[in-house]
Amino acid sequence: MSGVALTPAAGPALRDPAWRARVFWAVAAVVLLWPLLVLTEFRPWTLWSPESLTPTLRFLGDFFPPRTDPEFLAMVLRETWRTVAIATAGIALALLLAWPLTLLSVRVLSVSGLAGRMATGPAVLRVAVRGLLIVLRSVPELIWALVFVRVVGLGATAGVLAIALTYGGMLGKVYAEILESGDPHATTTLLRNGAGRLQAFFYGLLPQNAAELTSYTVYRWECAIRSSAVLGFVGAGGLGQQMDSSMKMFNGAEVATMLLVFMALVWLADRASTWLRKALG
């Protein structure tokens, strides 16, 4: 054994073997993002200029102490409840819009598709419904609110209709994807044995996808509460409209109170949606 030369064990690599790829993608990201930042005129350092910093600090200083007199708090709580009502009514109308469109756009519920290729009429209808869902969700609820404010006037009605249309498109699109991603065996078996589309849906598709559909619906209700506050800035009622009025009057104390109430509202909505998901899932 004395003639065998022992070589020392190789130590750990001192250089990352993937450093070339990391450097390449980092440089590529900078090259791609820099023109985008230039195009959007992204200049965050202007926030620290005296022209911006002085009025910002003055406005933030007006936040303390928040306004807490009973009359103002009663108004804030009333508008907070109105905000929740706008979101809930909007989601309810969105569901009434989304479900018929979902059933028309889901391929697995097509009787003519059982043999393979769908018939021309159902295929055209399905494409048209999918196109309608794209139109509904591609227009932001803020734009719909601006339209309805000019049609029905200021108030909660514009907010409810705006949420109903945008969220109807979102719900219909996601519902269709959830239903089509499930196991179609039970549904196709029911259709092949003479069941109607609604029977196949309620006894085939819905039971296996109910938890996921419910979870997404509750999540969208939570998002609608946030949206309803934003819609108030264009006159759609609720807490956002009162906050917009206070900001226009540079009343920082009122804005601070409403921001705290809104943060508490979003937290409660998040807790409620989490509890509902656990209870229904």
C-alpha atoms as a PDB file:
ATOM      1  CA  MET A   1       0.000   0.000   0.000  1.00  0.00           C
ATOM      2  CA  SER A   2       3.004   2.250   0.391  1.00  0.00           C
ATOM      3  CA  GLY A   3       3.285   2.654  -3.370  1.00  0.00           C
ATOM      4  CA  VAL A   4      -0.220   4.078  -3.728  1.00  0.00           C
ATOM      5  CA  ALA A   5      -0.321   7.863  -3.921  1.00  0.00           C
ATOM      6  CA  LEU A   6      -3.153   9.458  -1.979  1.00  0.00           C
ATOM      7  CA  THR A   7      -4.705  12.557  -3.556  1.00  0.00           C
ATOM      8  CA  PRO A   8      -6.351  15.139  -1.319  1.00  0.00           C
ATOM      9  CA  ALA A   9     -10.133  15.411  -1.507  1.00  0.00           C
ATOM     10  CA  ALA A  10     -11.335  18.167  -3.773  1.00  0.00           C
ATOM     11  CA  GLY A  11     -12.636  21.159  -1.858  1.00  0.00           C
ATOM     12  CA  PRO A  12     -15.964  22.879  -2.491  1.00  0.00           C
ATOM     13  CA  ALA A  13     -16.270  24.891  -5.685  1.00  0.00           C
ATOM     14  CA  LEU A  14     -15.418  28.523  -5.101  1.00  0.00           C
ATOM     15  CA  ARG A  15     -17.426  29.752  -8.110  1.00  0.00           C
ATOM     16  CA  ASP A  16     -21.141  29.370  -8.798  1.00  0.00           C
ATOM     17  CA  PRO A  17     -21.403  27.060 -11.850  1.00  0.00           C
ATOM     18  CA  ALA A  18     -24.484  28.932 -13.005  1.00  0.00           C
ATOM     19  CA  TRP A  19     -22.994  32.415 -12.702  1.00  0.00           C
ATOM     20  CA  ARG A  20     -22.884  32.989 -16.467  1.00  0.00           C
ATOM     21  CA  ALA A  21     -26.625  32.335 -16.809  1.00  0.00           C
ATOM     22  CA  ARG A  22     -27.421  34.533 -13.802  1.00  0.00           C
ATOM     23  CA  VAL A  23     -25.347  37.421 -15.134  1.00  0.00           C
ATOM     24  CA  PHE A  24     -26.850  37.024 -18.618  1.00  0.00           C
ATOM     25  CA  TRP A  25     -30.460  37.158 -17.363  1.00  0.00           C
ATOM     26  CA  ALA A  26     -29.693  40.057 -15.019  1.00  0.00           C
ATOM     27  CA  VAL A  27     -28.235  42.071 -17.888  1.00  0.00           C
ATOM     28  CA  ALA A  28     -31.133  41.069 -20.157  1.00  0.00           C
ATOM     29  CA  ALA A  29     -33.633  42.234 -17.523  1.00  0.00           C
ATOM     30  CA  VAL A  30     -31.914  45.620 -17.252  1.00  0.00           C
ATOM     31  CA  VAL A  31     -31.792  46.001 -21.046  1.00  0.00           C
ATOM     32  CA  LEU A  32     -35.514  45.182 -21.341  1.00  0.00           C
ATOM     33  CA  LEU A  33     -36.739  47.168 -18.336  1.00  0.00           C
ATOM     34  CA  TRP A  34     -34.755  50.348 -18.858  1.00  0.00           C
ATOM     35  CA  PRO A  35     -36.658  51.458 -22.011  1.00  0.00           C
ATOM     36  CA  LEU A  36     -39.933  50.722 -20.188  1.00  0.00           C
ATOM     37  CA  LEU A  37     -38.923  52.926 -17.255  1.00  0.00           C
ATOM     38  CA  VAL A  38     -37.896  55.694 -19.657  1.00  0.00           C
ATOM     39  CA  LEU A  39     -41.184  55.394 -21.557  1.00  0.00           C
ATOM     40  CA  THR A  40     -43.262  55.634 -18.367  1.00  0.00           C
ATOM     41  CA  GLU A  41     -41.184  58.583 -17.123  1.00  0.00           C
ATOM     42  CA  PHE A  42     -40.484  56.737 -13.880  1.00  0.00           C
ATOM     43  CA  ARG A  43     -38.660  59.257 -11.685  1.00  0.00           C
ATOM     44  CA  PRO A  44     -39.133  58.328  -8.006  1.00  0.00           C
ATOM     45  CA  TRP A  45     -36.518  60.858  -6.890  1.00  0.00           C
ATOM     46  CA  THR A  46     -38.995  63.665  -7.621  1.00  0.00           C
ATOM     47  CA  LEU A  47     -40.846  62.591  -4.449  1.00  0.00           C
ATOM     48  CA  TRP A  48     -37.943  64.015  -2.440  1.00  0.00           C
ATOM     49  CA  SER A  49     -37.790  67.360  -4.192  1.00  0.00           C
ATOM     50  CA  PRO A  50     -38.848  70.392  -2.087  1.00  0.00           C
ATOM     51  CA  GLU A  51     -41.778  71.096  -4.425  1.00  0.00           C
ATOM     52  CA  SER A  52     -43.245  67.638  -3.658  1.00  0.00           C
ATOM     53  CA  LEU A  53     -41.992  66.937  -0.163  1.00  0.00           C
ATOM     54  CA  THR A  54     -43.256  70.100   1.528  1.00  0.00           C
ATOM     55  CA  PRO A  55     -46.971  69.801   0.599  1.00  0.00           C
ATOM     56  CA  THR A  56     -46.849  66.039   1.202  1.00  0.00           C
ATOM     57  CA  LEU A  57     -45.535  66.457   4.741  1.00  0.00           C
ATOM     58  CA  ARG A  58     -48.044  69.223   5.394  1.00  0.00           C
ATOM     59  CA  PHE A  59     -50.939  67.031   4.216  1.00  0.00           C
ATOM     60  CA  LEU A  60     -49.720  64.020   6.223  1.00  0.00           C
ATOM     61  CA  GLY A  61     -49.331  66.226   9.271  1.00  0.00           C
ATOM     62  CA  ASP A  62     -53.029  67.082   9.060  1.00  0.00           C
ATOM     63  CA  PHE A  63     -53.826  63.378   9.569  1.00  0.00           C
ATOM     64  CA  PHE A  64     -53.144  63.660  13.304  1.00  0.00           C
ATOM     65  CA  PRO A  65     -55.245  63.515  15.295  1.00  0.00           C
ATOM     66  CA  PRO A  66     -57.990  61.783  13.253  1.00  0.00           C
ATOM     67  CA  ARG A  67     -61.502  63.168  13.511  1.00  0.00           C
ATOM     68  CA  THR A  68     -63.498  61.132  16.036  1.00  0.00           C
ATOM     69  CA  ASP A  69     -66.586  63.151  16.933  1.00  0.00           C
ATOM     70  CA  PRO A  70     -69.780  61.035  17.166  1.00  0.00           C
ATOM     71  CA  GLU A  71     -71.590  62.737  14.286  1.00  0.00           C
ATOM     72  CA  PHE A  72     -68.737  62.157  11.861  1.00  0.00           C
ATOM     73  CA  LEU A  73     -68.193  58.561  13.009  1.00  0.00           C
ATOM     74  CA  ALA A  74     -71.891  57.816  12.508  1.00  0.00           C
ATOM     75  CA  MET A  75     -71.643  59.100   8.934  1.00  0.00           C
ATOM     76  CA  VAL A  76     -68.496  57.018   8.297  1.00  0.00           C
ATOM     77  CA  LEU A  77     -70.112  53.845   9.619  1.00  0.00           C
ATOM     78  CA  ARG A  78     -73.189  54.474   7.462  1.00  0.00           C
ATOM     79  CA  GLU A  79     -71.062  54.892   4.349  1.00  0.00           C
ATOM     80  CA  THR A  80     -68.970  51.848   5.285  1.00  0.00           C
ATOM     81  CA  TRP A  81     -72.126  49.753   5.435  1.00  0.00           C
ATOM     82  CA  ARG A  82     -73.138  51.221   2.084  1.00  0.00           C
ATOM     83  CA  THR A  83     -69.772  50.176   0.647  1.00  0.00           C
ATOM     84  CA  VAL A  84     -70.322  46.574   1.776  1.00  0.00           C
ATOM     85  CA  ALA A  85     -73.856  46.679   0.369  1.00  0.00           C
ATOM     86  CA  ILE A  86     -72.592  47.917  -3.011  1.00  0.00           C
ATOM     87  CA  ALA A  87     -70.041  45.106  -3.192  1.00  0.00           C
ATOM     88  CA  THR A  88     -72.523  42.424  -2.138  1.00  0.00           C
ATOM     89  CA  ALA A  89     -75.277  43.582  -4.495  1.00  0.00           C
ATOM     90  CA  GLY A  90     -72.765  43.858  -7.335  1.00  0.00           C
ATOM     91  CA  ILE A  91     -71.517  40.307  -6.767  1.00  0.00           C
ATOM     92  CA  ALA A  92     -75.093  39.003  -6.604  1.00  0.00           C
ATOM     93  CA  LEU A  93     -75.898  40.557  -9.995  1.00  0.00           C
ATOM     94  CA  ALA A  94     -72.569  39.316 -11.347  1.00  0.00           C
ATOM     95  CA  LEU A  95     -73.535  35.769 -10.384  1.00  0.00           C
ATOM     96  CA  LEU A  96     -76.865  36.110 -12.174  1.00  0.00           C
ATOM     97  CA  LEU A  97     -74.961  37.222 -15.273  1.00  0.00           C
ATOM     98  CA  ALA A  98     -72.050  34.787 -15.006  1.00  0.00           C
ATOM     99  CA  TRP A  99     -73.808  31.470 -14.522  1.00  0.00           C
ATOM    100  CA  PRO A 100     -75.926  31.432 -17.720  1.00  0.00           C
ATOM    101  CA  LEU A 101     -72.905  32.536 -19.743  1.00  0.00           C
ATOM    102  CA  THR A 102     -70.784  29.877 -18.049  1.00  0.00           C
ATOM    103  CA  LEU A 103     -73.217  27.087 -18.907  1.00  0.00           C
ATOM    104  CA  LEU A 104     -73.332  28.244 -22.527  1.00  0.00           C
ATOM    105  CA  SER A 105     -69.551  28.395 -22.851  1.00  0.00           C
ATOM    106  CA  VAL A 106     -68.572  25.097 -21.210  1.00  0.00           C
ATOM    107  CA  ARG A 107     -67.788  22.526 -23.892  1.00  0.00           C
ATOM    108  CA  VAL A 108     -68.296  19.475 -21.697  1.00  0.00           C
ATOM    109  CA  LEU A 109     -72.015  20.304 -21.432  1.00  0.00           C
ATOM    110  CA  SER A 110     -72.455  20.302 -25.215  1.00  0.00           C
ATOM    111  CA  VAL A 111     -74.599  17.385 -26.374  1.00  0.00           C
ATOM    112  CA  SER A 112     -73.337  17.726 -29.950  1.00  0.00           C
ATOM    113  CA  GLY A 113     -69.742  17.533 -28.692  1.00  0.00           C
ATOM    114  CA  LEU A 114     -70.217  14.001 -27.364  1.00  0.00           C
ATOM    115  CA  ALA A 115     -69.467  12.557 -30.793  1.00  0.00           C
ATOM    116  CA  GLY A 116     -66.231  14.567 -31.052  1.00  0.00           C
ATOM    117  CA  ARG A 117     -66.475  17.841 -32.958  1.00  0.00           C
ATOM    118  CA  MET A 118     -69.207  20.269 -31.899  1.00  0.00           C
ATOM    119  CA  ALA A 119     -71.943  21.222 -34.363  1.00  0.00           C
ATOM    120  CA  THR A 120     -71.580  24.587 -36.104  1.00  0.00           C
ATOM    121  CA  GLY A 121     -74.403  26.318 -34.229  1.00  0.00           C
ATOM    122  CA  PRO A 122     -73.235  25.428 -30.677  1.00  0.00           C
ATOM    123  CA  ALA A 123     -69.620  26.146 -31.619  1.00  0.00           C
ATOM    124  CA  VAL A 124     -70.477  29.634 -32.900  1.00  0.00           C
ATOM    125  CA  LEU A 125     -72.601  30.310 -29.797  1.00  0.00           C
ATOM    126  CA  ARG A 126     -69.768  29.210 -27.530  1.00  0.00           C
ATOM    127  CA  VAL A 127     -67.284  31.508 -29.284  1.00  0.00           C
ATOM    128  CA  ALA A 128     -69.741  34.419 -29.084  1.00  0.00           C
ATOM    129  CA  VAL A 129     -70.314  33.887 -25.361  1.00  0.00           C
ATOM    130  CA  ARG A 130     -66.571  33.673 -24.737  1.00  0.00           C
ATOM    131  CA  GLY A 131     -66.150  36.923 -26.666  1.00  0.00           C
ATOM    132  CA  LEU A 132     -68.831  38.595 -24.523  1.00  0.00           C
ATOM    133  CA  LEU A 133     -67.035  37.501 -21.359  1.00  0.00           C
ATOM    134  CA  ILE A 134     -63.813  39.010 -22.727  1.00  0.00           C
ATOM    135  CA  VAL A 135     -65.569  42.320 -23.402  1.00  0.00           C
ATOM    136  CA  LEU A 136     -67.133  42.448 -19.935  1.00  0.00           C
ATOM    137  CA  ARG A 137     -63.935  41.781 -18.009  1.00  0.00           C
ATOM    138  CA  SER A 138     -61.639  43.804 -20.281  1.00  0.00           C
ATOM    139  CA  VAL A 139     -63.410  47.064 -19.354  1.00  0.00           C
ATOM    140  CA  PRO A 140     -62.341  48.019 -15.800  1.00  0.00           C
ATOM    141  CA  GLU A 141     -65.097  48.622 -13.270  1.00  0.00           C
ATOM    142  CA  LEU A 142     -63.882  52.204 -12.932  1.00  0.00           C
ATOM    143  CA  ILE A 143     -64.743  52.856 -16.581  1.00  0.00           C
ATOM    144  CA  TRP A 144     -68.151  51.203 -16.215  1.00  0.00           C
ATOM    145  CA  ALA A 145     -68.767  53.386 -13.137  1.00  0.00           C
ATOM    146  CA  LEU A 146     -67.959  56.551 -15.095  1.00  0.00           C
ATOM    147  CA  VAL A 147     -70.425  55.471 -17.788  1.00  0.00           C
ATOM    148  CA  PHE A 148     -73.216  54.638 -15.340  1.00  0.00           C
ATOM    149  CA  VAL A 149     -72.698  57.814 -13.305  1.00  0.00           C
ATOM    150  CA  ARG A 150     -73.608  59.728 -16.467  1.00  0.00           C
ATOM    151  CA  VAL A 151     -76.557  57.411 -17.168  1.00  0.00           C
ATOM    152  CA  VAL A 152     -78.165  56.968 -13.726  1.00  0.00           C
ATOM    153  CA  GLY A 153     -76.485  59.812 -11.849  1.00  0.00           C
ATOM    154  CA  LEU A 154     -74.329  59.859  -8.731  1.00  0.00           C
ATOM    155  CA  GLY A 155     -74.902  57.169  -6.146  1.00  0.00           C
ATOM    156  CA  ALA A 156     -74.663  53.499  -5.336  1.00  0.00           C
ATOM    157  CA  THR A 157     -76.541  52.280  -8.412  1.00  0.00           C
ATOM    158  CA  ALA A 158     -73.614  53.130 -10.679  1.00  0.00           C
ATOM    159  CA  GLY A 159     -71.225  51.222  -8.422  1.00  0.00           C
ATOM    160  CA  VAL A 160     -73.433  48.144  -8.254  1.00  0.00           C
ATOM    161  CA  LEU A 161     -73.829  47.989 -12.038  1.00  0.00           C
ATOM    162  CA  ALA A 162     -70.108  48.560 -12.635  1.00  0.00           C
ATOM    163  CA  ILE A 163     -69.129  45.700 -10.322  1.00  0.00           C
ATOM    164  CA  ALA A 164     -71.838  43.458 -11.803  1.00  0.00           C
ATOM    165  CA  LEU A 165     -70.582  43.793 -15.372  1.00  0.00           C
ATOM    166  CA  THR A 166     -66.831  43.522 -14.768  1.00  0.00           C
ATOM    167  CA  TYR A 167     -67.074  40.790 -12.162  1.00  0.00           C
ATOM    168  CA  GLY A 168     -69.690  38.961 -14.215  1.00  0.00           C
ATOM    169  CA  GLY A 169     -67.106  38.602 -16.968  1.00  0.00           C
ATOM    170  CA  MET A 170     -64.400  37.534 -14.526  1.00  0.00           C
ATOM    171  CA  LEU A 171     -66.596  34.997 -12.751  1.00  0.00           C
ATOM    172  CA  GLY A 172     -67.933  33.547 -16.006  1.00  0.00           C
ATOM    173  CA  LYS A 173     -64.454  33.063 -17.435  1.00  0.00           C
ATOM    174  CA  VAL A 174     -62.982  31.447 -14.318  1.00  0.00           C
ATOM    175  CA  TYR A 175     -66.082  29.339 -13.651  1.00  0.00           C
ATOM    176  CA  ALA A 176     -65.836  27.911 -17.172  1.00  0.00           C
ATOM    177  CA  GLU A 177     -62.147  27.085 -16.709  1.00  0.00           C
ATOM    178  CA  ILE A 178     -62.811  25.400 -13.356  1.00  0.00           C
ATOM    179  CA  LEU A 179     -65.654  23.298 -14.767  1.00  0.00           C
ATOM    180  CA  GLU A 180     -63.687  22.263 -17.842  1.00  0.00           C
ATOM    181  CA  SER A 181     -60.634  21.278 -15.789  1.00  0.00           C
ATOM    182  CA  GLY A 182     -62.611  18.713 -13.783  1.00  0.00           C
ATOM    183  CA  ASP A 183     -63.214  15.067 -14.612  1.00  0.00           C
ATOM    184  CA  PRO A 184     -65.889  15.008 -17.363  1.00  0.00           C
ATOM    185  CA  HIS A 185     -66.710  11.293 -17.011  1.00  0.00           C
ATOM    186  CA  ALA A 186     -69.795  11.687 -14.822  1.00  0.00           C
ATOM    187  CA  THR A 187     -71.128  14.565 -16.928  1.00  0.00           C
ATOM    188  CA  THR A 188     -70.713  12.829 -20.282  1.00  0.00           C
ATOM    189  CA  THR A 189     -72.240   9.645 -18.867  1.00  0.00           C
ATOM    190  CA  LEU A 190     -75.341  11.551 -17.785  1.00  0.00           C
ATOM    191  CA  LEU A 191     -75.633  13.260 -21.174  1.00  0.00           C
ATOM    192  CA  ARG A 192     -75.224   9.982 -23.055  1.00  0.00           C
ATOM    193  CA  ASN A 193     -78.022   8.449 -20.998  1.00  0.00           C
ATOM    194  CA  GLY A 194     -80.543  11.156 -21.828  1.00  0.00           C
ATOM    195  CA  ALA A 195     -80.013  13.706 -19.043  1.00  0.00           C
ATOM    196  CA  GLY A 196     -80.416  17.398 -19.840  1.00  0.00           C
ATOM    197  CA  ARG A 197     -77.673  19.993 -19.635  1.00  0.00           C
ATOM    198  CA  LEU A 198     -78.863  21.310 -16.258  1.00  0.00           C
ATOM    199  CA  GLN A 199     -79.147  17.804 -14.829  1.00  0.00           C
ATOM    200  CA  ALA A 200     -75.629  16.986 -16.028  1.00  0.00           C
ATOM    201  CA  PHE A 201     -74.375  20.210 -14.473  1.00  0.00           C
ATOM    202  CA  PHE A 202     -76.036  19.806 -11.068  1.00  0.00           C
ATOM    203  CA  TYR A 203     -75.286  16.081 -10.688  1.00  0.00           C
ATOM    204  CA  GLY A 204     -72.033  15.790 -12.652  1.00  0.00           C
ATOM    205  CA  LEU A 205     -69.961  18.970 -12.742  1.00  0.00           C
ATOM    206  CA  LEU A 206     -71.110  20.952  -9.712  1.00  0.00           C
ATOM    207  CA  PRO A 207     -70.501  18.396  -6.918  1.00  0.00           C
ATOM    208  CA  GLN A 208     -66.832  17.866  -7.773  1.00  0.00           C
ATOM    209  CA  ASN A 209     -66.076  21.587  -8.299  1.00  0.00           C
ATOM    210  CA  ALA A 210     -68.306  23.215  -5.664  1.00  0.00           C
ATOM    211  CA  ALA A 211     -65.517  23.957  -3.181  1.00  0.00           C
ATOM    212  CA  GLU A 212     -63.271  25.628  -5.750  1.00  0.00           C
ATOM    213  CA  LEU A 213     -66.166  27.635  -7.216  1.00  0.00           C
ATOM    214  CA  THR A 214     -67.209  28.818  -3.759  1.00  0.00           C
ATOM    215  CA  SER A 215     -63.674  29.771  -2.801  1.00  0.00           C
ATOM    216  CA  TYR A 216     -63.215  31.888  -5.918  1.00  0.00           C
ATOM    217  CA  THR A 217     -66.629  33.560  -5.471  1.00  0.00           C
ATOM    218  CA  VAL A 218     -65.810  34.560  -1.886  1.00  0.00           C
ATOM    219  CA  TYR A 219     -62.432  35.881  -3.021  1.00  0.00           C
ATOM    220  CA  ARG A 220     -64.137  38.018  -5.651  1.00  0.00           C
ATOM    221  CA  TRP A 221     -66.560  39.378  -3.055  1.00  0.00           C
ATOM    222  CA  GLU A 222     -63.557  40.450  -0.987  1.00  0.00           C
ATOM    223  CA  CYS A 223     -62.078  42.177  -4.057  1.00  0.00           C
ATOM    224  CA  ALA A 224     -65.420  43.852  -4.757  1.00  0.00           C
ATOM    225  CA  ILE A 225     -65.337  45.504  -1.331  1.00  0.00           C
ATOM    226  CA  ARG A 226     -62.000  47.094  -2.224  1.00  0.00           C
ATOM    227  CA  SER A 227     -63.295  48.088  -5.658  1.00  0.00           C
ATOM    228  CA  SER A 228     -66.471  49.655  -4.245  1.00  0.00           C
ATOM    229  CA  ALA A 229     -64.374  52.074  -2.178  1.00  0.00           C
ATOM    230  CA  VAL A 230     -62.344  53.066  -5.256  1.00  0.00           C
ATOM    231  CA  LEU A 231     -65.502  53.532  -7.324  1.00  0.00           C
ATOM    232  CA  GLY A 232     -66.670  56.133  -4.831  1.00  0.00           C
ATOM    233  CA  PHE A 233     -63.974  58.484  -6.159  1.00  0.00           C
ATOM    234  CA  VAL A 234     -65.931  58.795  -9.427  1.00  0.00           C
ATOM    235  CA  GLY A 235     -69.264  59.385  -7.675  1.00  0.00           C
ATOM    236  CA  ALA A 236     -70.467  55.789  -7.276  1.00  0.00           C
ATOM    237  CA  GLY A 237     -71.307  56.228  -3.601  1.00  0.00           C
ATOM    238  CA  GLY A 238     -69.985  54.664  -0.444  1.00  0.00           C
ATOM    239  CA  LEU A 239     -66.949  55.407   1.675  1.00  0.00           C
ATOM    240  CA  GLY A 240     -64.780  56.322  -1.308  1.00  0.00           C
ATOM    241  CA  GLN A 241     -67.051  59.205  -2.295  1.00  0.00           C
ATOM    242  CA  GLN A 242     -66.838  60.703   1.188  1.00  0.00           C
ATOM    243  CA  MET A 243     -63.067  60.230   1.211  1.00  0.00           C
ATOM    244  CA  ASP A 244     -62.810  61.994  -2.144  1.00  0.00           C
ATOM    245  CA  SER A 245     -64.783  64.957  -0.784  1.00  0.00           C
ATOM    246  CA  SER A 246     -62.545  65.215   2.278  1.00  0.00           C
ATOM    247  CA  MET A 247     -59.383  65.020   0.170  1.00  0.00           C
ATOM    248  CA  LYS A 248     -60.622  67.775  -2.117  1.00  0.00           C
ATOM    249  CA  MET A 249     -61.160  69.951   0.971  1.00  0.00           C
ATOM    250  CA  PHE A 250     -57.629  68.999   2.246  1.00  0.00           C
ATOM    251  CA  ASN A 251     -59.191  67.726   5.468  1.00  0.00           C
ATOM    252  CA  GLY A 252     -56.515  65.291   6.588  1.00  0.00           C
ATOM    253  CA  ALA A 253     -58.195  64.423   9.902  1.00  0.00           C
ATOM    254  CA  GLU A 254     -61.303  63.123   8.120  1.00  0.00           C
ATOM    255  CA  VAL A 255     -59.206  61.232   5.568  1.00  0.00           C
ATOM    256  CA  ALA A 256     -57.191  59.582   8.348  1.00  0.00           C
ATOM    257  CA  THR A 257     -60.335  58.355  10.094  1.00  0.00           C
ATOM    258  CA  MET A 258     -61.818  56.946   6.892  1.00  0.00           C
ATOM    259  CA  LEU A 259     -58.533  55.261   5.958  1.00  0.00           C
ATOM    260  CA  LEU A 260     -58.396  53.540   9.341  1.00  0.00           C
ATOM    261  CA  VAL A 261     -62.025  52.416   8.997  1.00  0.00           C
ATOM    262  CA  PHE A 262     -61.391  51.167   5.466  1.00  0.00           C
ATOM    263  CA  MET A 263     -58.326  49.188   6.551  1.00  0.00           C
ATOM    264  CA  ALA A 264     -60.402  47.625   9.325  1.00  0.00           C
ATOM    265  CA  LEU A 265     -63.129  46.831   6.772  1.00  0.00           C
ATOM    266  CA  VAL A 266     -60.670  45.102   4.432  1.00  0.00           C
ATOM    267  CA  TRP A 267     -59.257  43.125   7.364  1.00  0.00           C
ATOM    268  CA  LEU A 268     -62.742  42.007   8.427  1.00  0.00           C
ATOM    269  CA  ALA A 269     -63.591  41.046   4.843  1.00  0.00           C
ATOM    270  CA  ASP A 270     -60.383  39.023   4.630  1.00  0.00           C
ATOM    271  CA  ARG A 271     -61.183  37.224   7.909  1.00  0.00           C
ATOM    272  CA  ALA A 272     -64.769  36.575   6.806  1.00  0.00           C
ATOM    273  CA  SER A 273     -63.689  35.184   3.440  1.00  0.00           C
ATOM    274  CA  THR A 274     -61.097  32.938   5.114  1.00  0.00           C
ATOM    275  CA  TRP A 275     -63.721  31.594   7.521  1.00  0.00           C
ATOM    276  CA  LEU A 276     -66.179  30.978   4.689  1.00  0.00           C
ATOM    277  CA  ARG A 277     -63.579  29.114   2.632  1.00  0.00           C
ATOM    278  CA  LYS A 278     -62.805  26.854   5.567  1.00  0.00           C
ATOM    279  CA  ALA A 279     -66.476  26.307   6.377  1.00  0.00           C
ATOM    280  CA  LEU A 280     -67.471  25.526   2.788  1.00  0.00           C
ATOM    281  CA  GLY A 281     -64.283  23.779   1.714  1.00  0.00           C
END
